[in-house]
Amino acid sequence: MKIQDLLHQTRGAMRSEEAYALLVAMAANLKSGGSMDEITVSQPRHREVLPLLEGSAKALLALEPEERFRTLLSFFESPAAERTDLGWLRTEAVDQIIDLIDGATSVRFSHVASFVPCLTYAHRMSLAGKSPRVWFTWINEGECQLMRDMAATLDFEDIIAVELAWPWERKVSGDADVEVVLPPFMMPIKHLATVPNRTLGLLGLEEGRKARLNVETVSIADAIENTRGRVILCVPEGELFRMVGTEPVARRALLDSGRLQAVMGVPSGMVFANTWVKTSLLVISAADAASNAVRFIDLGHGTLSQKGRRGRAEILDDVSWRDILKGEAPDDRTLARDVTRDEIIENNTVLVPERYLNVGTREQIDALLAQCDVAELSEVVELVRPVTISANDEGEYTLFEAAPGDVNERGFVSTPKREITVDRAKYNKAFNQQLRPGDLLLSIKGTVGVVGLVPDDVPREGEDTIWTAGQSLMILRPKKRVNISSLALYEYLSNDTVQDYIKSIAGGAAIQTIAMKDLKGFAIPMPDDETVRSIKESFAERQAIFDEIDKMKMKLEDVRNCGWPHDLLKSPR
């Protein structure tokens, strides 16, 4: 039988996901010897499809266990499931996560995204003639009931136990050999009272204190504080990068525990089918297997994945995440690398894999820095972060607000496209972020790394029209007491190798961002006077070439305009 054909027949009476849950409930009820009179529906119109679903439930139970499992699980690969929280994980990713469990006899699956992995693991172990202890823990009663019905229908009642609770509450005692934790992305915890005091304490929070806290951070703290076995925890990239709040506290505690075995960087779309959020799998070792090194792995590496449908990364055949995790570190350090705890702490406990796998780029930059004097960026420039300035319809002053797209091919900031009018108060507010000759702009959010020079003919202070910068940019204003050439700084930051490095230190779940700590500590070479003179000569030579290119473009346009039909169809000026 085909689930999709059945659900198509019921779509006039109820949504596909509702029909599916009702079908499974009816099958579970029939299997336990119940009658259809015990089935309740939320709306009268649902009753008209009950006979159809009853017949399908009986047909489902008549299938062999293997075929019954495949039939029921096929729903989670359908577009209907992608509209719910149940159909997120791609089948090949589920298989890899199951392999990481490595045949453990007791496994706890937490949060709704672990629904399919939980069933798949129970099925595989059952086929192997084994009876593991498996828990499914989640706070939603409807989804927990669906798991109970699925377990009954698939003969997993003696394998899967369902716990209706937040996973960190741990209402059911007993340690699992492995925990698979797949929390909802960036979901805030509204009621801190559900989090045990010891777990809050690990994050530096006191009982009764209000704080911004999300499920991923609590899941990390919970794994450190309340587990003894291995943990496989999926988090968005922002959790591994953010420098404020409880996230860096949780990362430091995880490092100090010595239990962080690996961070596996997952390209967007490889694991979760309906999101482009970049994620990572944290592999946390058992409490008695601490280590001083962490293996960083790029699962999007060309030897492990390829571009598939809609540009999403797909896992190559014969690739095993478990083998990459457990085997010797490969010679290719852009694929995987073992990194010491000290190096991670030097990087502000950021756990984004790309930061540690850009070894070729970093080594080239380090070789250059070893040949000259070096200063941190915050020592040579004033870092001015623009604030939001809203428009006034009848304002007497004009602000042109620069964006990354306003940097031209010559390397200069051209006249910004965004123009707003403001009153005197907002004009005064914009004073510090007014662009001045010698300033540089560096994009630190979104399209990170774009760098541009502010031209000498930019409007001066006190004029009614001035240029400012948008919030995605940082103004780098050379300090007067430091002998740093704006042009030399531009040449360094715009270099292709340095650009690759800048992109590698950015992070964020959806929007890439360079953290302020990383920006302030960015190492800058300080070229001598002779080198600065050669930089100016080279830059001037490039500008002369651009001038010639502009002349040739004008000549090309003139020649084109003299031919048919352009000479007859000249645009009015």
Protein backbone atom coordinates (compact mmCIF):
# COMPACT_ATOMS: atom_id res chain seq x y z
CA MET A 1 0.00 0.00 0.00
CA LYS A 2 1.08 3.58 -0.65
CA ILE A 3 0.57 6.07 2.15
CA GLN A 4 0.55 9.04 -0.24
CA ASP A 5 -2.32 7.62 -2.31
CA LEU A 6 -4.37 7.06 0.84
CA LEU A 7 -3.72 10.54 2.19
CA HIS A 8 -4.66 12.02 -1.17
CA GLN A 9 -8.11 10.45 -0.82
CA THR A 10 -8.66 12.06 2.59
CA ARG A 11 -7.47 15.56 1.77
CA GLY A 12 -11.00 16.94 1.39
CA ALA A 13 -11.82 16.09 5.00
CA MET A 14 -8.55 16.72 6.84
CA ARG A 15 -4.92 17.67 6.39
CA SER A 16 -2.49 14.92 5.40
CA GLU A 17 -0.65 14.98 8.72
CA GLU A 18 -3.97 14.67 10.60
CA ALA A 19 -5.04 11.72 8.47
CA TYR A 20 -1.68 10.05 9.00
CA ALA A 21 -1.83 10.40 12.80
CA LEU A 22 -5.41 9.08 12.80
CA LEU A 23 -4.42 6.10 10.63
CA VAL A 24 -1.59 5.17 13.00
CA ALA A 25 -3.86 5.60 16.04
CA MET A 26 -6.46 3.30 14.48
CA ALA A 27 -3.81 0.69 13.63
CA ALA A 28 -2.45 0.79 17.19
CA ASN A 29 -5.98 0.49 18.58
CA LEU A 30 -6.83 -2.48 16.37
CA LYS A 31 -3.57 -4.20 17.22
CA SER A 32 -4.34 -3.95 20.94
CA GLY A 33 -7.79 -5.46 20.41
CA GLY A 34 -9.74 -2.21 20.61
CA SER A 35 -12.75 -1.19 18.55
CA MET A 36 -13.40 1.73 16.24
CA ASP A 37 -15.91 3.10 18.76
CA GLU A 38 -12.95 4.14 20.89
CA ILE A 39 -11.59 6.42 18.16
CA THR A 40 -12.43 10.10 18.65
CA VAL A 41 -12.10 12.88 16.11
CA SER A 42 -11.90 16.61 16.64
CA GLN A 43 -14.35 17.63 13.89
CA PRO A 44 -17.56 15.99 12.55
CA ARG A 45 -16.33 16.07 8.94
CA HIS A 46 -13.45 13.78 9.91
CA ARG A 47 -15.91 10.92 10.53
CA GLU A 48 -16.63 10.50 6.84
CA VAL A 49 -13.12 9.14 6.22
CA LEU A 50 -13.07 6.76 9.21
CA PRO A 51 -14.22 3.71 7.18
CA LEU A 52 -11.48 4.37 4.62
CA LEU A 53 -8.84 4.74 7.33
CA GLU A 54 -10.09 1.64 9.15
CA GLY A 55 -9.67 -0.47 6.05
CA SER A 56 -6.20 0.97 5.48
CA ALA A 57 -5.23 0.33 9.11
CA LYS A 58 -6.22 -3.34 8.77
CA ALA A 59 -4.27 -3.61 5.51
CA LEU A 60 -1.29 -2.01 7.20
CA LEU A 61 -1.31 -4.52 10.04
CA ALA A 62 -1.49 -7.37 7.53
CA LEU A 63 1.88 -6.37 6.05
CA GLU A 64 5.12 -8.04 7.06
CA PRO A 65 6.95 -6.00 9.77
CA GLU A 66 9.66 -4.80 7.37
CA GLU A 67 7.13 -3.64 4.75
CA ARG A 68 4.94 -2.06 7.44
CA PHE A 69 7.91 -0.04 8.69
CA ARG A 70 8.84 1.16 5.18
CA THR A 71 5.23 2.08 4.44
CA LEU A 72 4.79 4.16 7.59
CA LEU A 73 8.21 5.83 7.37
CA SER A 74 7.65 6.86 3.74
CA PHE A 75 5.32 9.59 5.00
CA PHE A 76 8.24 11.44 6.57
CA GLU A 77 9.90 11.87 3.20
CA SER A 78 6.81 13.52 1.70
CA PRO A 79 6.09 17.25 1.24
CA ALA A 80 3.26 16.89 3.78
CA ALA A 81 5.73 15.89 6.49
CA GLU A 82 8.05 18.78 5.62
CA ARG A 83 5.24 21.14 6.66
CA THR A 84 5.42 19.65 10.16
CA ASP A 85 8.27 19.33 12.66
CA LEU A 86 8.52 15.61 11.91
CA GLY A 87 9.88 15.57 8.36
CA TRP A 88 13.01 17.61 8.75
CA LEU A 89 15.77 14.99 8.58
CA ARG A 90 16.97 13.58 5.28
CA THR A 91 17.12 9.79 5.13
CA GLU A 92 20.84 9.57 4.42
CA ALA A 93 21.59 11.85 7.37
CA VAL A 94 19.42 9.69 9.64
CA ASP A 95 21.49 6.68 8.56
CA GLN A 96 24.74 8.46 9.45
CA ILE A 97 23.43 9.51 12.88
CA ILE A 98 22.30 5.93 13.55
CA ASP A 99 25.82 4.71 12.68
CA LEU A 100 27.31 7.20 15.15
CA ILE A 101 25.25 5.53 17.91
CA ASP A 102 27.40 2.47 17.20
CA GLY A 103 24.99 -0.21 18.40
CA ALA A 104 24.46 1.10 21.95
CA THR A 105 21.97 -0.91 24.02
CA SER A 106 20.36 2.12 25.68
CA VAL A 107 19.67 5.32 23.76
CA ARG A 108 17.71 8.46 24.63
CA PHE A 109 16.30 10.53 21.76
CA SER A 110 15.33 14.11 22.65
CA HIS A 111 13.10 16.66 20.85
CA VAL A 112 10.72 16.12 17.96
CA ALA A 113 13.40 16.15 15.25
CA SER A 114 14.71 12.87 16.71
CA PHE A 115 11.35 11.17 15.97
CA VAL A 116 12.46 9.36 12.81
CA PRO A 117 15.97 8.47 14.08
CA CYS A 118 14.35 6.95 17.18
CA LEU A 119 12.06 4.70 15.14
CA THR A 120 14.82 3.83 12.69
CA TYR A 121 17.20 2.78 15.45
CA ALA A 122 14.56 0.63 17.14
CA HIS A 123 13.82 -1.00 13.78
CA ARG A 124 17.46 -1.76 12.97
CA MET A 125 18.15 -3.23 16.38
CA SER A 126 14.96 -5.29 16.20
CA LEU A 127 16.00 -6.72 12.82
CA ALA A 128 19.35 -7.66 14.38
CA GLY A 129 17.51 -9.59 17.07
CA LYS A 130 18.41 -7.12 19.81
CA SER A 131 16.15 -5.40 22.35
CA PRO A 132 17.70 -2.06 23.32
CA ARG A 133 16.18 0.35 25.82
CA VAL A 134 15.09 3.44 23.88
CA TRP A 135 13.50 6.63 25.22
CA PHE A 136 11.78 9.36 23.23
CA THR A 137 11.50 12.59 25.20
CA TRP A 138 9.53 15.66 24.12
CA ILE A 139 7.06 18.17 25.55
CA ASN A 140 4.28 17.95 22.91
CA GLU A 141 1.52 15.49 23.85
CA GLY A 142 0.28 15.02 20.27
CA GLU A 143 3.72 14.07 18.98
CA CYS A 144 4.38 11.86 22.00
CA GLN A 145 1.08 10.07 21.39
CA LEU A 146 2.00 9.55 17.75
CA MET A 147 5.25 7.92 18.92
CA ARG A 148 3.29 5.62 21.27
CA ASP A 149 0.98 4.63 18.42
CA MET A 150 3.90 4.10 16.03
CA ALA A 151 5.67 1.90 18.58
CA ALA A 152 2.53 -0.19 19.05
CA THR A 153 1.87 -0.53 15.33
CA LEU A 154 5.49 -1.50 14.60
CA ASP A 155 5.83 -3.96 17.52
CA PHE A 156 8.25 -1.68 19.37
CA GLU A 157 6.20 -1.37 22.58
CA ASP A 158 8.85 -3.25 24.56
CA ILE A 159 11.67 -1.17 23.06
CA ILE A 160 10.49 2.47 23.00
CA ALA A 161 9.36 4.31 26.12
CA VAL A 162 7.88 7.80 25.75
CA GLU A 163 8.57 10.60 28.25
CA LEU A 164 6.35 13.70 28.08
CA ALA A 165 8.66 16.42 29.43
CA TRP A 166 11.36 18.87 28.49
CA PRO A 167 14.47 16.73 27.93
CA TRP A 168 16.52 18.62 30.53
CA GLU A 169 13.93 17.96 33.25
CA ARG A 170 14.98 14.27 33.27
CA LYS A 171 11.87 13.00 35.04
CA VAL A 172 12.72 9.40 34.18
CA SER A 173 15.78 8.17 36.04
CA GLY A 174 18.55 6.12 34.46
CA ASP A 175 21.55 6.87 32.29
CA ALA A 176 21.63 6.04 28.59
CA ASP A 177 24.77 4.84 26.84
CA VAL A 178 24.11 7.39 24.09
CA GLU A 179 21.85 10.44 23.81
CA VAL A 180 20.76 11.93 20.50
CA VAL A 181 19.69 15.54 21.04
CA LEU A 182 18.18 17.45 18.09
CA PRO A 183 16.65 20.62 19.58
CA PRO A 184 14.55 23.18 17.66
CA PHE A 185 16.79 25.90 16.26
CA MET A 186 17.25 28.92 18.53
CA MET A 187 14.02 28.33 20.44
CA PRO A 188 13.99 30.54 23.56
CA ILE A 189 13.20 29.00 26.93
CA LYS A 190 10.35 31.04 28.36
CA HIS A 191 10.17 29.32 31.74
CA LEU A 192 13.56 28.89 33.38
CA ALA A 193 11.84 27.04 36.22
CA THR A 194 11.86 23.93 34.00
CA VAL A 195 15.67 23.95 34.03
CA PRO A 196 17.31 22.34 37.10
CA ASN A 197 19.25 24.73 39.34
CA ARG A 198 22.48 22.80 38.86
CA THR A 199 22.20 23.19 35.10
CA LEU A 200 21.50 26.91 35.44
CA GLY A 201 24.42 27.21 37.83
CA LEU A 202 26.80 25.76 35.26
CA LEU A 203 25.76 28.63 32.98
CA GLY A 204 26.38 31.19 35.72
CA LEU A 205 22.68 31.80 36.33
CA GLU A 206 21.01 31.92 39.70
CA GLU A 207 17.57 30.58 40.58
CA GLY A 208 14.88 33.15 39.87
CA ARG A 209 17.13 35.32 37.73
CA LYS A 210 15.87 36.34 34.29
CA ALA A 211 18.13 35.67 31.34
CA ARG A 212 18.08 35.06 27.60
CA LEU A 213 18.45 31.32 27.19
CA ASN A 214 17.82 29.00 24.26
CA VAL A 215 17.37 25.25 24.03
CA GLU A 216 20.77 24.58 22.45
CA THR A 217 22.66 26.26 25.28
CA VAL A 218 20.67 24.40 27.92
CA SER A 219 21.19 21.16 25.99
CA ILE A 220 24.96 21.64 26.14
CA ALA A 221 24.85 22.40 29.86
CA ASP A 222 22.52 19.47 30.46
CA ALA A 223 24.87 17.11 28.63
CA ILE A 224 27.81 18.21 30.78
CA GLU A 225 25.94 18.18 34.08
CA ASN A 226 23.52 15.28 33.77
CA THR A 227 24.91 12.62 31.42
CA ARG A 228 27.57 9.95 31.81
CA GLY A 229 27.36 8.39 28.36
CA ARG A 230 28.03 9.74 24.87
CA VAL A 231 25.94 12.59 23.44
CA ILE A 232 25.30 13.54 19.80
CA LEU A 233 23.95 17.09 19.82
CA CYS A 234 22.97 19.18 16.80
CA VAL A 235 23.24 22.98 17.06
CA PRO A 236 23.10 25.90 14.59
CA GLU A 237 26.39 27.61 13.86
CA GLY A 238 25.48 30.70 15.88
CA GLU A 239 25.61 28.63 19.08
CA LEU A 240 29.28 27.89 18.38
CA PHE A 241 30.17 31.47 17.55
CA ARG A 242 28.15 33.94 19.62
CA MET A 243 30.33 35.91 22.07
CA VAL A 244 27.72 37.31 24.46
CA GLY A 245 25.22 35.81 26.88
CA THR A 246 25.32 32.22 28.08
CA GLU A 247 26.61 30.65 24.84
CA PRO A 248 30.34 31.31 25.47
CA VAL A 249 29.88 30.16 29.09
CA ALA A 250 28.45 26.85 27.89
CA ARG A 251 31.24 26.39 25.33
CA ARG A 252 33.94 27.03 27.92
CA ALA A 253 32.32 24.59 30.34
CA LEU A 254 32.19 21.98 27.58
CA LEU A 255 35.89 22.47 26.83
CA ASP A 256 36.82 22.38 30.51
CA SER A 257 34.96 19.09 30.91
CA GLY A 258 37.34 17.47 28.41
CA ARG A 259 34.37 15.62 26.89
CA LEU A 260 34.07 17.42 23.56
CA GLN A 261 35.31 14.77 21.16
CA ALA A 262 34.42 16.34 17.82
CA VAL A 263 32.63 19.15 16.02
CA MET A 264 31.29 18.05 12.65
CA GLY A 265 30.39 20.97 10.38
CA VAL A 266 27.27 20.23 8.35
CA PRO A 267 26.44 22.23 5.19
CA SER A 268 22.97 23.74 5.09
CA GLY A 269 20.39 21.30 3.76
CA MET A 270 22.48 18.16 4.28
CA VAL A 271 20.71 17.03 7.47
CA PHE A 272 17.58 19.19 7.68
CA ALA A 273 15.56 19.16 4.48
CA ASN A 274 13.57 22.36 4.90
CA THR A 275 16.10 24.91 6.14
CA TRP A 276 19.29 26.59 4.92
CA VAL A 277 20.61 27.11 8.45
CA LYS A 278 24.20 25.88 8.84
CA THR A 279 24.54 23.37 11.65
CA SER A 280 27.14 21.29 13.44
CA LEU A 281 27.05 17.99 15.27
CA LEU A 282 28.76 18.06 18.65
CA VAL A 283 30.01 14.62 19.63
CA ILE A 284 30.46 14.51 23.41
CA SER A 285 32.35 11.54 24.82
CA ALA A 286 31.46 9.50 27.88
CA ALA A 287 32.38 11.06 31.22
CA ASP A 288 35.27 8.63 31.70
CA ALA A 289 36.82 9.30 28.26
CA ALA A 290 38.03 12.90 28.56
CA SER A 291 40.59 14.28 26.09
CA ASN A 292 42.59 17.47 25.59
CA ALA A 293 41.97 17.61 21.82
CA VAL A 294 38.89 18.16 19.68
CA ARG A 295 38.51 16.82 16.15
CA PHE A 296 37.02 19.36 13.75
CA ILE A 297 35.50 17.82 10.61
CA ASP A 298 34.09 19.42 7.46
CA LEU A 299 31.26 17.15 6.29
CA GLY A 300 30.86 19.40 3.24
CA HIS A 301 34.39 18.60 2.02
CA GLY A 302 34.60 17.50 -1.61
CA THR A 303 35.68 13.99 -0.64
CA LEU A 304 32.55 13.52 1.48
CA SER A 305 29.75 15.35 -0.34
CA GLN A 306 28.55 16.76 -3.63
CA LYS A 307 26.06 19.36 -4.79
CA GLY A 308 22.67 17.82 -5.45
CA ARG A 309 19.11 18.98 -5.96
CA ARG A 310 18.47 22.70 -5.51
CA GLY A 311 22.16 23.20 -4.76
CA ARG A 312 22.03 21.31 -1.46
CA ALA A 313 25.02 19.28 -0.34
CA GLU A 314 24.43 15.52 -0.47
CA ILE A 315 26.42 12.78 1.25
CA LEU A 316 28.47 10.68 -1.16
CA ASP A 317 27.95 6.93 -1.28
CA ASP A 318 30.27 4.84 0.92
CA VAL A 319 31.03 7.83 3.18
CA SER A 320 30.94 7.04 6.90
CA TRP A 321 30.85 9.86 9.43
CA ARG A 322 31.65 7.31 12.12
CA ASP A 323 34.88 6.26 10.37
CA ILE A 324 36.02 9.87 10.02
CA LEU A 325 35.31 10.42 13.70
CA LYS A 326 37.02 7.29 15.01
CA GLY A 327 39.90 6.85 12.54
CA GLU A 328 43.27 8.55 12.37
CA ALA A 329 43.24 12.22 11.40
CA PRO A 330 43.63 12.46 7.59
CA ASP A 331 46.60 14.10 5.90
CA ASP A 332 44.22 16.65 4.37
CA ARG A 333 43.88 19.16 7.20
CA THR A 334 41.05 20.98 5.42
CA LEU A 335 38.94 17.83 5.89
CA ALA A 336 39.62 17.08 9.55
CA ARG A 337 42.07 18.23 12.18
CA ASP A 338 42.68 17.55 15.86
CA VAL A 339 42.91 20.86 17.72
CA THR A 340 44.16 21.37 21.26
CA ARG A 341 42.05 22.95 23.96
CA ASP A 342 44.58 25.79 24.28
CA GLU A 343 44.24 26.74 20.61
CA ILE A 344 40.45 26.80 20.94
CA ILE A 345 40.66 29.06 23.98
CA GLU A 346 43.01 31.38 22.04
CA ASN A 347 40.16 31.65 19.53
CA ASN A 348 37.69 32.80 22.22
CA THR A 349 36.20 29.26 22.48
CA VAL A 350 34.65 29.60 19.02
CA LEU A 351 33.81 26.08 17.81
CA VAL A 352 33.00 26.75 14.15
CA PRO A 353 34.97 24.10 12.19
CA GLU A 354 35.94 26.40 9.33
CA ARG A 355 38.02 28.49 11.72
CA TYR A 356 40.34 25.56 12.42
CA LEU A 357 40.36 23.94 8.99
CA ASN A 358 41.62 26.97 7.04
CA VAL A 359 45.20 25.89 7.79
CA GLY A 360 46.72 26.74 4.41
CA THR A 361 45.36 30.27 4.53
CA ARG A 362 46.48 30.82 8.11
CA GLU A 363 49.98 29.49 7.45
CA GLN A 364 50.46 31.84 4.50
CA ILE A 365 49.34 34.81 6.58
CA ASP A 366 51.50 33.77 9.54
CA ALA A 367 54.54 33.56 7.24
CA LEU A 368 53.92 37.14 6.08
CA LEU A 369 53.38 38.43 9.62
CA ALA A 370 56.65 36.83 10.73
CA GLN A 371 58.54 39.11 8.34
CA CYS A 372 57.37 42.46 9.73
CA ASP A 373 56.12 44.35 12.74
CA VAL A 374 52.58 43.39 13.71
CA ALA A 375 49.81 45.18 15.60
CA GLU A 376 46.23 44.33 16.41
CA LEU A 377 43.61 46.15 14.36
CA SER A 378 42.23 47.92 17.45
CA GLU A 379 45.71 49.36 18.11
CA VAL A 380 45.98 51.08 14.74
CA VAL A 381 42.41 52.15 13.96
CA GLU A 382 39.36 53.41 15.78
CA LEU A 383 36.54 50.93 15.21
CA VAL A 384 33.33 52.89 14.67
CA ARG A 385 30.17 50.79 14.55
CA PRO A 386 27.30 52.70 12.92
CA VAL A 387 23.95 52.96 14.65
CA THR A 388 20.55 53.00 12.99
CA ILE A 389 19.34 56.43 11.92
CA SER A 390 15.76 56.67 10.71
CA ALA A 391 14.54 59.16 8.14
CA ASN A 392 12.44 62.30 8.63
CA ASP A 393 10.23 63.14 5.67
CA GLU A 394 10.75 66.86 6.10
CA GLY A 395 14.33 66.81 7.38
CA GLU A 396 16.64 69.58 6.23
CA TYR A 397 19.79 67.41 6.06
CA THR A 398 20.65 64.56 3.70
CA LEU A 399 22.52 61.38 4.59
CA PHE A 400 23.91 59.01 1.98
CA GLU A 401 24.25 55.66 3.78
CA ALA A 402 26.90 53.34 2.35
CA ALA A 403 26.41 49.59 1.97
CA PRO A 404 28.81 46.84 0.79
CA GLY A 405 27.37 47.12 -2.73
CA ASP A 406 28.58 50.73 -2.95
CA VAL A 407 32.26 49.69 -3.06
CA ASN A 408 33.35 49.88 -6.71
CA GLU A 409 35.89 47.84 -8.65
CA ARG A 410 38.57 50.47 -8.08
CA GLY A 411 38.36 49.86 -4.33
CA PHE A 412 36.65 53.14 -3.43
CA VAL A 413 33.28 53.79 -1.86
CA SER A 414 31.17 55.42 -4.58
CA THR A 415 28.21 57.70 -3.87
CA PRO A 416 25.91 55.56 -1.68
CA LYS A 417 22.62 54.57 -3.26
CA ARG A 418 20.56 54.90 -0.06
CA GLU A 419 19.55 58.50 0.60
CA ILE A 420 17.52 59.73 3.57
CA THR A 421 16.61 63.11 5.01
CA VAL A 422 16.95 63.80 8.74
CA ASP A 423 16.42 66.59 11.22
CA ARG A 424 19.17 68.38 13.14
CA ALA A 425 19.12 65.98 16.10
CA LYS A 426 19.66 62.93 13.91
CA TYR A 427 22.25 64.80 11.86
CA ASN A 428 24.21 65.40 15.05
CA LYS A 429 23.79 61.73 15.98
CA ALA A 430 25.38 60.79 12.66
CA PHE A 431 28.47 62.92 13.28
CA ASN A 432 30.73 60.14 14.56
CA GLN A 433 29.79 57.77 11.75
CA GLN A 434 30.23 60.37 9.04
CA LEU A 435 32.71 59.08 6.49
CA ARG A 436 35.95 61.03 6.26
CA PRO A 437 38.96 60.93 3.93
CA GLY A 438 41.30 58.12 5.00
CA ASP A 439 38.52 55.97 6.48
CA LEU A 440 38.03 52.39 5.37
CA LEU A 441 34.79 50.44 5.40
CA LEU A 442 34.75 46.72 6.19
CA SER A 443 31.58 44.64 5.96
CA ILE A 444 31.19 42.51 9.10
CA LYS A 445 27.65 41.21 8.62
CA GLY A 446 26.02 39.42 5.72
CA THR A 447 28.50 39.57 2.84
CA VAL A 448 31.52 39.73 5.12
CA GLY A 449 34.92 40.95 4.02
CA VAL A 450 34.02 43.68 1.51
CA VAL A 451 36.51 46.51 2.05
CA GLY A 452 36.56 49.97 0.51
CA LEU A 453 38.46 53.25 0.75
CA VAL A 454 36.58 56.47 1.42
CA PRO A 455 37.60 58.93 -1.34
CA ASP A 456 39.24 62.29 -0.65
CA ASP A 457 36.32 64.22 -2.19
CA VAL A 458 33.75 62.90 0.29
CA PRO A 459 31.53 65.69 1.77
CA ARG A 460 33.23 67.41 4.70
CA GLU A 461 32.02 68.00 8.25
CA GLY A 462 29.33 70.64 8.59
CA GLU A 463 27.92 70.24 5.09
CA ASP A 464 24.16 69.75 4.72
CA THR A 465 24.78 66.50 2.83
CA ILE A 466 27.13 63.90 4.30
CA TRP A 467 28.03 60.24 3.83
CA THR A 468 27.55 57.66 6.58
CA ALA A 469 27.74 53.87 6.83
CA GLY A 470 25.06 51.22 7.31
CA GLN A 471 24.99 48.74 10.18
CA SER A 472 26.53 45.90 8.18
CA LEU A 473 29.75 47.91 7.93
CA MET A 474 32.47 48.86 10.37
CA ILE A 475 34.31 52.15 9.92
CA LEU A 476 38.08 51.73 10.32
CA ARG A 477 39.47 55.16 11.16
CA PRO A 478 43.30 55.23 11.40
CA LYS A 479 44.50 56.60 14.72
CA LYS A 480 46.46 59.82 14.36
CA ARG A 481 49.17 58.75 16.79
CA VAL A 482 49.84 55.56 14.84
CA ASN A 483 51.72 55.62 11.56
CA ILE A 484 49.44 53.37 9.51
CA SER A 485 48.74 53.92 5.84
CA SER A 486 45.06 53.63 4.91
CA LEU A 487 46.13 52.38 1.51
CA ALA A 488 48.42 49.70 2.98
CA LEU A 489 45.60 48.58 5.28
CA TYR A 490 43.24 48.40 2.30
CA GLU A 491 45.71 46.37 0.25
CA TYR A 492 46.17 43.88 3.08
CA LEU A 493 42.47 43.45 3.91
CA SER A 494 41.47 43.13 0.24
CA ASN A 495 44.08 40.47 -0.54
CA ASP A 496 42.47 37.20 -1.70
CA THR A 497 44.20 35.08 0.96
CA VAL A 498 43.27 37.50 3.73
CA GLN A 499 39.72 37.63 2.38
CA ASP A 500 39.50 33.84 2.66
CA TYR A 501 40.70 34.06 6.24
CA ILE A 502 38.20 36.81 7.12
CA LYS A 503 35.36 34.68 5.78
CA SER A 504 36.61 31.66 7.75
CA ILE A 505 36.42 33.48 11.09
CA ALA A 506 32.86 34.68 10.48
CA GLY A 507 29.98 32.70 11.93
CA GLY A 508 26.25 32.72 12.48
CA ALA A 509 23.23 30.47 12.04
CA ALA A 510 21.67 32.34 9.12
CA ILE A 511 23.60 35.61 8.69
CA GLN A 512 27.39 35.49 8.78
CA THR A 513 28.97 37.94 11.25
CA ILE A 514 32.48 38.81 12.39
CA ALA A 515 32.64 39.00 16.17
CA MET A 516 33.97 42.19 17.74
CA LYS A 517 36.63 40.26 19.67
CA ASP A 518 37.97 38.74 16.47
CA LEU A 519 37.92 42.09 14.71
CA LYS A 520 39.77 43.92 17.47
CA GLY A 521 42.45 41.24 17.68
CA PHE A 522 42.92 40.88 13.91
CA ALA A 523 46.68 40.88 13.23
CA ILE A 524 47.83 43.67 10.90
CA PRO A 525 51.34 43.88 9.36
CA MET A 526 53.00 47.30 9.67
CA PRO A 527 54.97 47.85 6.43
CA ASP A 528 58.00 50.16 6.45
CA ASP A 529 58.13 53.47 4.57
CA GLU A 530 59.73 51.96 1.48
CA THR A 531 57.01 49.32 1.23
CA VAL A 532 54.30 51.97 1.67
CA ARG A 533 55.82 53.97 -1.21
CA SER A 534 55.73 50.91 -3.46
CA ILE A 535 52.11 50.25 -2.43
CA LYS A 536 51.13 53.78 -3.45
CA GLU A 537 52.93 53.44 -6.79
CA SER A 538 51.26 50.11 -7.53
CA PHE A 539 47.83 51.45 -6.55
CA ALA A 540 48.30 54.54 -8.74
CA GLU A 541 49.32 52.32 -11.65
CA ARG A 542 46.14 50.27 -11.23
CA GLN A 543 44.02 53.43 -11.19
CA ALA A 544 45.67 54.53 -14.43
CA ILE A 545 44.75 51.18 -15.98
CA PHE A 546 41.15 51.64 -14.80
CA ASP A 547 41.21 55.09 -16.49
CA GLU A 548 42.28 53.46 -19.76
CA ILE A 549 39.56 50.82 -19.37
CA ASP A 550 36.95 53.56 -18.87
CA LYS A 551 38.16 55.30 -22.03
CA MET A 552 37.93 52.07 -24.00
CA LYS A 553 34.41 51.45 -22.68
CA MET A 554 33.37 54.93 -23.83
CA LYS A 555 34.95 54.32 -27.23
CA LEU A 556 33.18 50.97 -27.46
CA GLU A 557 29.87 52.65 -26.70
CA ASP A 558 30.51 55.36 -29.31
CA VAL A 559 31.25 52.77 -32.00
CA ARG A 560 28.10 50.84 -31.09
CA ASN A 561 25.94 53.97 -31.23
CA CYS A 562 27.10 54.71 -34.78
CA GLY A 563 25.72 51.44 -36.13
CA TRP A 564 22.20 50.37 -37.05
CA PRO A 565 19.69 50.69 -35.41
CA HIS A 566 21.34 52.58 -32.57
CA ASP A 567 22.07 55.63 -34.76
CA LEU A 568 18.36 55.85 -35.59
CA LEU A 569 16.96 55.03 -32.15
CA LYS A 570 18.89 57.32 -29.89
CA SER A 571 17.41 57.63 -26.41
CA PRO A 572 16.11 61.11 -25.55
CA ARG A 573 18.33 62.84 -22.97
